[in-house]
N, C-alpha and C. Protein backbone atom coordinates (compact mmCIF):
# COMPACT_ATOMS: atom_id res chain seq x y z
N MET A 1 0.85 -1.18 0.00
CA MET A 1 0.00 0.00 0.00
C MET A 1 0.89 1.24 0.00
N SER A 2 0.58 2.18 -0.85
CA SER A 2 1.37 3.41 -0.94
C SER A 2 1.06 4.32 0.24
N ARG A 3 1.93 5.29 0.44
CA ARG A 3 1.73 6.26 1.53
C ARG A 3 0.41 6.99 1.34
N ARG A 4 0.09 7.30 0.08
CA ARG A 4 -1.16 8.01 -0.22
C ARG A 4 -2.38 7.16 0.14
N ASP A 5 -2.34 5.86 -0.23
CA ASP A 5 -3.44 4.95 0.11
C ASP A 5 -3.57 4.81 1.61
N SER A 6 -2.43 4.72 2.29
CA SER A 6 -2.42 4.60 3.74
C SER A 6 -3.05 5.83 4.39
N ARG A 7 -2.72 7.01 3.90
CA ARG A 7 -3.27 8.27 4.42
C ARG A 7 -4.79 8.32 4.19
N ALA A 8 -5.23 7.87 3.02
CA ALA A 8 -6.66 7.85 2.72
C ALA A 8 -7.39 6.89 3.65
N GLU A 9 -6.77 5.76 3.94
CA GLU A 9 -7.37 4.78 4.86
C GLU A 9 -7.49 5.36 6.27
N ILE A 10 -6.45 6.05 6.72
CA ILE A 10 -6.50 6.69 8.04
C ILE A 10 -7.61 7.73 8.06
N ARG A 11 -7.72 8.49 6.99
CA ARG A 11 -8.76 9.53 6.92
C ARG A 11 -10.15 8.90 7.00
N ARG A 12 -10.37 7.78 6.32
CA ARG A 12 -11.66 7.09 6.39
C ARG A 12 -11.94 6.61 7.82
N LYS A 13 -10.92 6.10 8.48
CA LYS A 13 -11.07 5.63 9.86
C LYS A 13 -11.36 6.79 10.81
N VAL A 14 -10.67 7.91 10.58
CA VAL A 14 -10.89 9.11 11.40
C VAL A 14 -12.34 9.58 11.26
N ARG A 15 -12.82 9.64 10.04
CA ARG A 15 -14.20 10.05 9.79
C ARG A 15 -15.17 9.10 10.48
N ALA A 16 -14.94 7.80 10.37
CA ALA A 16 -15.82 6.81 10.99
C ALA A 16 -15.80 6.94 12.51
N ASP A 17 -14.62 7.16 13.10
CA ASP A 17 -14.54 7.33 14.55
C ASP A 17 -15.33 8.55 15.00
N TYR A 18 -15.26 9.61 14.21
CA TYR A 18 -15.98 10.84 14.57
C TYR A 18 -17.50 10.64 14.45
N ILE A 19 -17.91 10.05 13.33
CA ILE A 19 -19.34 9.94 13.06
C ILE A 19 -20.00 8.81 13.83
N TYR A 20 -19.45 7.62 13.77
CA TYR A 20 -20.13 6.45 14.31
C TYR A 20 -19.75 6.11 15.75
N ARG A 21 -18.54 6.49 16.14
CA ARG A 21 -18.13 6.21 17.51
C ARG A 21 -18.22 7.46 18.38
N ARG A 22 -18.53 8.60 17.75
CA ARG A 22 -18.71 9.89 18.43
C ARG A 22 -17.51 10.26 19.31
N MET A 23 -16.34 9.97 18.81
CA MET A 23 -15.12 10.30 19.55
C MET A 23 -14.79 11.78 19.36
N GLN A 24 -14.11 12.34 20.33
CA GLN A 24 -13.64 13.72 20.25
C GLN A 24 -12.45 13.79 19.31
N GLN A 25 -12.25 14.94 18.68
CA GLN A 25 -11.16 15.09 17.73
C GLN A 25 -9.80 14.81 18.37
N SER A 26 -9.60 15.25 19.61
CA SER A 26 -8.32 15.03 20.28
C SER A 26 -8.06 13.54 20.50
N THR A 27 -9.10 12.80 20.84
CA THR A 27 -8.98 11.36 21.06
C THR A 27 -8.68 10.65 19.75
N ILE A 28 -9.38 11.06 18.70
CA ILE A 28 -9.17 10.46 17.38
C ILE A 28 -7.73 10.70 16.93
N ALA A 29 -7.25 11.92 17.10
CA ALA A 29 -5.89 12.25 16.69
C ALA A 29 -4.88 11.36 17.41
N ALA A 30 -5.05 11.23 18.72
CA ALA A 30 -4.13 10.40 19.49
C ALA A 30 -4.21 8.94 19.06
N ALA A 31 -5.40 8.46 18.78
CA ALA A 31 -5.59 7.05 18.40
C ALA A 31 -4.94 6.73 17.06
N HIS A 32 -4.88 7.70 16.17
CA HIS A 32 -4.36 7.46 14.83
C HIS A 32 -2.97 8.05 14.60
N GLY A 33 -2.40 8.64 15.64
CA GLY A 33 -1.05 9.18 15.52
C GLY A 33 -0.93 10.37 14.59
N ILE A 34 -1.97 11.20 14.57
CA ILE A 34 -1.96 12.42 13.76
C ILE A 34 -2.27 13.59 14.67
N SER A 35 -2.11 14.79 14.16
CA SER A 35 -2.40 15.96 14.99
C SER A 35 -3.90 16.26 14.98
N GLU A 36 -4.32 16.92 16.03
CA GLU A 36 -5.73 17.33 16.12
C GLU A 36 -6.06 18.32 15.00
N SER A 37 -5.10 19.15 14.63
CA SER A 37 -5.35 20.11 13.56
C SER A 37 -5.55 19.39 12.21
N THR A 38 -4.91 18.26 12.03
CA THR A 38 -5.12 17.47 10.81
C THR A 38 -6.55 16.97 10.75
N VAL A 39 -7.04 16.47 11.88
CA VAL A 39 -8.43 16.01 11.93
C VAL A 39 -9.35 17.18 11.59
N GLY A 40 -9.10 18.33 12.18
CA GLY A 40 -9.91 19.52 11.90
C GLY A 40 -9.86 19.93 10.44
N ARG A 41 -8.68 19.88 9.83
CA ARG A 41 -8.55 20.24 8.42
C ARG A 41 -9.33 19.27 7.53
N TRP A 42 -9.23 17.98 7.82
CA TRP A 42 -9.96 16.98 7.03
C TRP A 42 -11.46 17.19 7.16
N LYS A 43 -11.90 17.44 8.37
CA LYS A 43 -13.33 17.67 8.61
C LYS A 43 -13.80 18.91 7.84
N LYS A 44 -13.03 19.97 7.90
CA LYS A 44 -13.38 21.23 7.22
C LYS A 44 -13.37 21.04 5.70
N ALA A 45 -12.37 20.36 5.18
CA ALA A 45 -12.27 20.13 3.73
C ALA A 45 -13.45 19.28 3.25
N ASP A 46 -13.80 18.25 4.01
CA ASP A 46 -14.93 17.41 3.61
C ASP A 46 -16.24 18.20 3.65
N ARG A 47 -16.39 19.08 4.63
CA ARG A 47 -17.60 19.90 4.70
C ARG A 47 -17.69 20.79 3.47
N ALA A 48 -16.58 21.38 3.07
CA ALA A 48 -16.55 22.24 1.87
C ALA A 48 -16.89 21.43 0.62
N ALA A 49 -16.58 20.14 0.65
CA ALA A 49 -16.88 19.27 -0.50
C ALA A 49 -18.27 18.64 -0.41
N GLY A 50 -19.03 19.03 0.62
CA GLY A 50 -20.41 18.53 0.75
C GLY A 50 -20.60 17.38 1.73
N ASP A 51 -19.55 16.98 2.43
CA ASP A 51 -19.65 15.89 3.41
C ASP A 51 -19.48 16.49 4.80
N ASP A 52 -20.58 16.90 5.40
CA ASP A 52 -20.55 17.51 6.72
C ASP A 52 -20.56 16.41 7.78
N TRP A 53 -19.43 16.25 8.46
CA TRP A 53 -19.29 15.18 9.45
C TRP A 53 -20.27 15.37 10.60
N ASP A 54 -20.52 16.61 10.99
CA ASP A 54 -21.44 16.85 12.11
C ASP A 54 -22.87 16.43 11.76
N LYS A 55 -23.31 16.75 10.55
CA LYS A 55 -24.65 16.33 10.12
C LYS A 55 -24.73 14.81 10.01
N ALA A 56 -23.68 14.21 9.49
CA ALA A 56 -23.64 12.75 9.37
C ALA A 56 -23.66 12.10 10.76
N ARG A 57 -22.96 12.72 11.69
CA ARG A 57 -22.93 12.21 13.07
C ARG A 57 -24.32 12.28 13.70
N SER A 58 -24.98 13.41 13.53
CA SER A 58 -26.34 13.55 14.07
C SER A 58 -27.29 12.55 13.44
N ALA A 59 -27.19 12.37 12.14
CA ALA A 59 -28.05 11.41 11.45
C ALA A 59 -27.79 9.99 11.94
N ALA A 60 -26.53 9.66 12.16
CA ALA A 60 -26.19 8.32 12.65
C ALA A 60 -26.74 8.10 14.05
N VAL A 61 -26.67 9.12 14.87
CA VAL A 61 -27.19 9.01 16.24
C VAL A 61 -28.70 8.83 16.21
N ILE A 62 -29.38 9.66 15.40
CA ILE A 62 -30.84 9.56 15.31
C ILE A 62 -31.23 8.18 14.81
N ALA A 63 -30.55 7.71 13.79
CA ALA A 63 -30.87 6.39 13.22
C ALA A 63 -30.61 5.29 14.23
N GLY A 64 -29.53 5.42 14.99
CA GLY A 64 -29.15 4.34 15.90
C GLY A 64 -29.75 4.43 17.28
N GLU A 65 -29.97 5.64 17.77
CA GLU A 65 -30.36 5.77 19.17
C GLU A 65 -31.58 6.65 19.41
N GLY A 66 -31.99 7.40 18.43
CA GLY A 66 -33.17 8.22 18.60
C GLY A 66 -32.87 9.68 18.86
N VAL A 67 -33.90 10.47 18.71
CA VAL A 67 -33.76 11.92 18.82
C VAL A 67 -33.38 12.35 20.24
N GLU A 68 -33.76 11.56 21.25
CA GLU A 68 -33.43 11.93 22.63
C GLU A 68 -31.93 12.06 22.82
N VAL A 69 -31.17 11.16 22.21
CA VAL A 69 -29.72 11.20 22.35
C VAL A 69 -29.17 12.45 21.70
N VAL A 70 -29.69 12.80 20.55
CA VAL A 70 -29.24 14.02 19.86
C VAL A 70 -29.56 15.24 20.71
N VAL A 71 -30.78 15.32 21.21
CA VAL A 71 -31.18 16.46 22.03
C VAL A 71 -30.31 16.52 23.28
N SER A 72 -30.07 15.38 23.89
CA SER A 72 -29.23 15.33 25.08
C SER A 72 -27.83 15.84 24.79
N THR A 73 -27.27 15.45 23.66
CA THR A 73 -25.93 15.89 23.28
C THR A 73 -25.90 17.39 23.03
N VAL A 74 -26.91 17.90 22.35
CA VAL A 74 -26.98 19.34 22.08
C VAL A 74 -27.11 20.12 23.38
N VAL A 75 -27.95 19.64 24.29
CA VAL A 75 -28.13 20.32 25.57
C VAL A 75 -26.82 20.27 26.37
N GLU A 76 -26.16 19.13 26.36
CA GLU A 76 -24.88 19.01 27.06
C GLU A 76 -23.85 19.99 26.50
N ASP A 77 -23.74 20.05 25.18
CA ASP A 77 -22.82 20.99 24.55
C ASP A 77 -23.18 22.44 24.89
N PHE A 78 -24.47 22.74 24.87
CA PHE A 78 -24.93 24.09 25.21
C PHE A 78 -24.53 24.44 26.64
N MET A 79 -24.73 23.50 27.56
CA MET A 79 -24.42 23.78 28.96
C MET A 79 -22.92 23.99 29.17
N LEU A 80 -22.10 23.28 28.43
CA LEU A 80 -20.65 23.51 28.51
C LEU A 80 -20.32 24.92 28.04
N GLN A 81 -20.97 25.36 26.96
CA GLN A 81 -20.75 26.71 26.47
C GLN A 81 -21.27 27.74 27.49
N ALA A 82 -22.40 27.44 28.09
CA ALA A 82 -22.96 28.36 29.10
C ALA A 82 -22.00 28.50 30.28
N GLN A 83 -21.39 27.40 30.69
CA GLN A 83 -20.41 27.46 31.78
C GLN A 83 -19.22 28.34 31.39
N SER A 84 -18.77 28.23 30.16
CA SER A 84 -17.67 29.07 29.69
C SER A 84 -18.05 30.54 29.72
N ILE A 85 -19.27 30.83 29.31
CA ILE A 85 -19.75 32.21 29.33
C ILE A 85 -19.82 32.72 30.76
N MET A 86 -20.29 31.90 31.68
CA MET A 86 -20.36 32.31 33.09
C MET A 86 -18.97 32.60 33.64
N GLU A 87 -17.99 31.78 33.27
CA GLU A 87 -16.60 32.03 33.70
C GLU A 87 -16.10 33.36 33.13
N GLU A 88 -16.44 33.63 31.88
CA GLU A 88 -16.05 34.89 31.26
C GLU A 88 -16.70 36.07 31.97
N ILE A 89 -17.96 35.91 32.35
CA ILE A 89 -18.66 36.98 33.07
C ILE A 89 -17.99 37.21 34.43
N LYS A 90 -17.64 36.13 35.11
CA LYS A 90 -17.03 36.26 36.44
C LYS A 90 -15.62 36.84 36.38
N HIS A 91 -14.83 36.37 35.43
CA HIS A 91 -13.41 36.69 35.46
C HIS A 91 -12.94 37.60 34.32
N GLY A 92 -13.80 37.85 33.33
CA GLY A 92 -13.42 38.71 32.21
C GLY A 92 -13.41 40.17 32.62
N GLY A 93 -12.82 40.97 31.82
CA GLY A 93 -12.72 42.40 32.12
C GLY A 93 -13.87 43.19 31.55
N HIS A 94 -15.09 42.78 31.81
CA HIS A 94 -16.26 43.43 31.25
C HIS A 94 -16.85 44.44 32.24
N THR A 95 -17.50 45.43 31.68
CA THR A 95 -18.20 46.41 32.52
C THR A 95 -19.45 45.75 33.09
N ALA A 96 -20.02 46.38 34.09
CA ALA A 96 -21.24 45.85 34.68
C ALA A 96 -22.36 45.77 33.63
N ALA A 97 -22.47 46.76 32.78
CA ALA A 97 -23.50 46.75 31.74
C ALA A 97 -23.29 45.60 30.77
N GLU A 98 -22.03 45.35 30.40
CA GLU A 98 -21.74 44.23 29.49
C GLU A 98 -22.07 42.90 30.15
N LYS A 99 -21.74 42.78 31.44
CA LYS A 99 -22.06 41.54 32.17
C LYS A 99 -23.56 41.31 32.22
N ILE A 100 -24.31 42.37 32.45
CA ILE A 100 -25.77 42.26 32.49
C ILE A 100 -26.30 41.81 31.13
N ASP A 101 -25.80 42.43 30.07
CA ASP A 101 -26.22 42.04 28.71
C ASP A 101 -25.90 40.57 28.45
N MET A 102 -24.71 40.14 28.86
CA MET A 102 -24.31 38.75 28.65
C MET A 102 -25.23 37.81 29.44
N LEU A 103 -25.54 38.17 30.67
CA LEU A 103 -26.42 37.34 31.50
C LEU A 103 -27.83 37.26 30.92
N VAL A 104 -28.34 38.40 30.45
CA VAL A 104 -29.67 38.42 29.85
C VAL A 104 -29.70 37.54 28.60
N SER A 105 -28.69 37.67 27.76
CA SER A 105 -28.63 36.84 26.54
C SER A 105 -28.51 35.37 26.88
N LEU A 106 -27.68 35.05 27.86
CA LEU A 106 -27.52 33.66 28.27
C LEU A 106 -28.82 33.11 28.85
N SER A 107 -29.48 33.89 29.66
CA SER A 107 -30.75 33.47 30.25
C SER A 107 -31.79 33.20 29.17
N ASP A 108 -31.86 34.10 28.20
CA ASP A 108 -32.80 33.93 27.09
C ASP A 108 -32.48 32.66 26.31
N ALA A 109 -31.22 32.46 26.02
CA ALA A 109 -30.80 31.26 25.27
C ALA A 109 -31.11 29.99 26.06
N MET A 110 -30.89 30.03 27.37
CA MET A 110 -31.16 28.85 28.19
C MET A 110 -32.66 28.54 28.23
N THR A 111 -33.47 29.58 28.32
CA THR A 111 -34.92 29.38 28.32
C THR A 111 -35.37 28.75 27.01
N LYS A 112 -34.86 29.25 25.91
CA LYS A 112 -35.22 28.69 24.60
C LYS A 112 -34.71 27.26 24.45
N MET A 113 -33.50 27.00 24.92
CA MET A 113 -32.94 25.65 24.84
C MET A 113 -33.79 24.68 25.66
N ALA A 114 -34.16 25.07 26.86
CA ALA A 114 -34.97 24.20 27.71
C ALA A 114 -36.32 23.91 27.08
N ALA A 115 -36.93 24.94 26.51
CA ALA A 115 -38.25 24.76 25.87
C ALA A 115 -38.13 23.84 24.67
N SER A 116 -37.09 24.03 23.87
CA SER A 116 -36.89 23.16 22.70
C SER A 116 -36.62 21.73 23.12
N ALA A 117 -35.76 21.56 24.12
CA ALA A 117 -35.44 20.21 24.58
C ALA A 117 -36.68 19.51 25.11
N LYS A 118 -37.49 20.25 25.84
CA LYS A 118 -38.71 19.63 26.39
C LYS A 118 -39.67 19.23 25.28
N ARG A 119 -39.75 20.04 24.23
CA ARG A 119 -40.63 19.74 23.11
C ARG A 119 -40.16 18.50 22.35
N PHE A 120 -38.84 18.41 22.10
CA PHE A 120 -38.31 17.30 21.32
C PHE A 120 -38.14 16.02 22.13
N ALA A 121 -37.77 16.18 23.38
CA ALA A 121 -37.51 15.01 24.22
C ALA A 121 -37.88 15.34 25.66
N PRO A 122 -39.15 15.18 26.01
CA PRO A 122 -39.61 15.60 27.33
C PRO A 122 -38.86 14.96 28.49
N ASN A 123 -38.37 13.76 28.33
CA ASN A 123 -37.67 13.10 29.43
C ASN A 123 -36.32 13.74 29.73
N ILE A 124 -35.75 14.45 28.75
CA ILE A 124 -34.45 15.08 28.96
C ILE A 124 -34.54 16.13 30.07
N SER A 125 -35.59 16.93 30.10
CA SER A 125 -35.70 17.95 31.14
C SER A 125 -35.87 17.29 32.51
N GLU A 126 -36.58 16.17 32.57
CA GLU A 126 -36.71 15.45 33.83
C GLU A 126 -35.35 14.91 34.26
N LEU A 127 -34.58 14.43 33.32
CA LEU A 127 -33.24 13.94 33.63
C LEU A 127 -32.37 15.08 34.14
N GLY A 128 -32.50 16.24 33.55
CA GLY A 128 -31.74 17.41 34.01
C GLY A 128 -32.05 17.75 35.45
N VAL A 129 -33.32 17.71 35.82
CA VAL A 129 -33.71 17.98 37.21
C VAL A 129 -33.12 16.91 38.13
N ALA A 130 -33.20 15.65 37.72
CA ALA A 130 -32.67 14.57 38.54
C ALA A 130 -31.17 14.74 38.76
N HIS A 131 -30.44 15.08 37.71
CA HIS A 131 -29.00 15.27 37.85
C HIS A 131 -28.68 16.50 38.70
N ASP A 132 -29.50 17.54 38.59
CA ASP A 132 -29.30 18.73 39.42
C ASP A 132 -29.48 18.38 40.89
N VAL A 133 -30.51 17.60 41.20
CA VAL A 133 -30.75 17.20 42.59
C VAL A 133 -29.57 16.38 43.11
N MET A 134 -29.07 15.46 42.28
CA MET A 134 -27.92 14.65 42.72
C MET A 134 -26.70 15.52 42.96
N SER A 135 -26.48 16.48 42.10
CA SER A 135 -25.33 17.38 42.26
C SER A 135 -25.46 18.20 43.54
N ARG A 136 -26.67 18.68 43.80
CA ARG A 136 -26.89 19.46 45.02
C ARG A 136 -26.73 18.60 46.28
N LEU A 137 -27.17 17.35 46.19
CA LEU A 137 -26.99 16.42 47.32
C LEU A 137 -25.50 16.22 47.58
N LEU A 138 -24.73 15.99 46.53
CA LEU A 138 -23.30 15.79 46.70
C LEU A 138 -22.64 17.03 47.29
N ASP A 139 -23.01 18.22 46.82
CA ASP A 139 -22.47 19.46 47.39
C ASP A 139 -22.82 19.57 48.87
N PHE A 140 -24.06 19.23 49.21
CA PHE A 140 -24.50 19.28 50.60
C PHE A 140 -23.68 18.34 51.47
N VAL A 141 -23.49 17.12 50.98
CA VAL A 141 -22.72 16.14 51.76
C VAL A 141 -21.27 16.63 51.91
N ARG A 142 -20.70 17.18 50.86
CA ARG A 142 -19.32 17.68 50.94
C ARG A 142 -19.18 18.79 51.98
N GLU A 143 -20.21 19.64 52.08
CA GLU A 143 -20.16 20.75 53.03
C GLU A 143 -20.47 20.31 54.46
N GLU A 144 -21.52 19.51 54.61
CA GLU A 144 -22.02 19.17 55.94
C GLU A 144 -21.45 17.86 56.50
N PHE A 145 -21.13 16.92 55.63
CA PHE A 145 -20.64 15.61 56.06
C PHE A 145 -19.46 15.18 55.20
N PRO A 146 -18.37 15.94 55.21
CA PRO A 146 -17.26 15.67 54.30
C PRO A 146 -16.68 14.26 54.44
N GLN A 147 -16.77 13.69 55.62
CA GLN A 147 -16.24 12.34 55.84
C GLN A 147 -17.01 11.29 55.05
N HIS A 148 -18.22 11.61 54.59
CA HIS A 148 -19.03 10.65 53.84
C HIS A 148 -19.07 10.94 52.34
N SER A 149 -18.43 12.01 51.91
CA SER A 149 -18.56 12.41 50.50
C SER A 149 -18.05 11.35 49.53
N HIS A 150 -16.98 10.64 49.88
CA HIS A 150 -16.47 9.62 48.96
C HIS A 150 -17.47 8.47 48.78
N VAL A 151 -18.20 8.14 49.84
CA VAL A 151 -19.19 7.06 49.75
C VAL A 151 -20.38 7.50 48.90
N VAL A 152 -20.84 8.72 49.13
CA VAL A 152 -21.97 9.24 48.36
C VAL A 152 -21.59 9.35 46.88
N LEU A 153 -20.38 9.82 46.61
CA LEU A 153 -19.92 9.93 45.23
C LEU A 153 -19.87 8.54 44.58
N GLU A 154 -19.41 7.55 45.33
CA GLU A 154 -19.35 6.18 44.81
C GLU A 154 -20.74 5.67 44.42
N ILE A 155 -21.76 6.10 45.13
CA ILE A 155 -23.14 5.69 44.85
C ILE A 155 -23.75 6.54 43.75
N ILE A 156 -23.52 7.84 43.79
CA ILE A 156 -24.17 8.76 42.85
C ILE A 156 -23.71 8.53 41.41
N GLU A 157 -22.43 8.24 41.19
CA GLU A 157 -21.96 8.07 39.81
C GLU A 157 -22.70 6.95 39.07
N PRO A 158 -22.79 5.73 39.62
CA PRO A 158 -23.55 4.71 38.89
C PRO A 158 -25.05 4.99 38.88
N PHE A 159 -25.55 5.65 39.92
CA PHE A 159 -26.97 5.98 39.93
C PHE A 159 -27.29 6.99 38.84
N GLY A 160 -26.37 7.91 38.57
CA GLY A 160 -26.56 8.87 37.49
C GLY A 160 -26.69 8.16 36.14
N ALA A 161 -25.88 7.13 35.95
CA ALA A 161 -25.97 6.35 34.71
C ALA A 161 -27.32 5.65 34.63
N ARG A 162 -27.79 5.13 35.74
CA ARG A 162 -29.09 4.47 35.78
C ARG A 162 -30.21 5.44 35.44
N LEU A 163 -30.13 6.65 36.01
CA LEU A 163 -31.13 7.68 35.70
C LEU A 163 -31.13 8.02 34.22
N SER A 164 -29.95 8.11 33.63
CA SER A 164 -29.86 8.39 32.20
C SER A 164 -30.57 7.31 31.39
N GLU A 165 -30.41 6.06 31.80
CA GLU A 165 -31.09 4.96 31.11
C GLU A 165 -32.61 5.10 31.27
N ILE A 166 -33.05 5.41 32.45
CA ILE A 166 -34.50 5.53 32.74
C ILE A 166 -35.13 6.66 31.93
N TYR A 167 -34.47 7.82 31.92
CA TYR A 167 -35.08 9.00 31.31
C TYR A 167 -34.83 9.14 29.81
N THR A 168 -33.95 8.32 29.24
CA THR A 168 -33.70 8.47 27.80
C THR A 168 -34.13 7.25 27.01
N THR A 169 -34.83 6.32 27.64
CA THR A 169 -35.34 5.16 26.90
C THR A 169 -36.84 5.20 26.83
């Protein structure tokens, strides 16, 4: 096999890992011995040529696992972005007026995201509440009963997975 054929084979495997195994670009790069920027360039080039890996990934998830998984992934990604915005509000060099504008925009976006998620996958919002309660319980135990926090964490982690199964099936 020529170097060119070998590179094409790696590229096909990278695409498959991204779409069907839903791996992160950094993980894919490490698994195939290439740089993360190479994965990004391939993804971008394919999108320009009409092969959008993100759309293919969403379609594969919907086909294999249902819309709830897609909605859950979108909500999870949104919440990660919201956390980044909150950190920027807390630690960035913004004026009070800018911080207020950012908070208002984030609040509006969160309200719309929650409404959309509830419409597409009603169990996702219930799962969110359940995970919030578990997180608050763990925080409470850490503050009030720190000697027991490791035991509660040991129980909560697998219970969280069980809740995900209950609310997304």
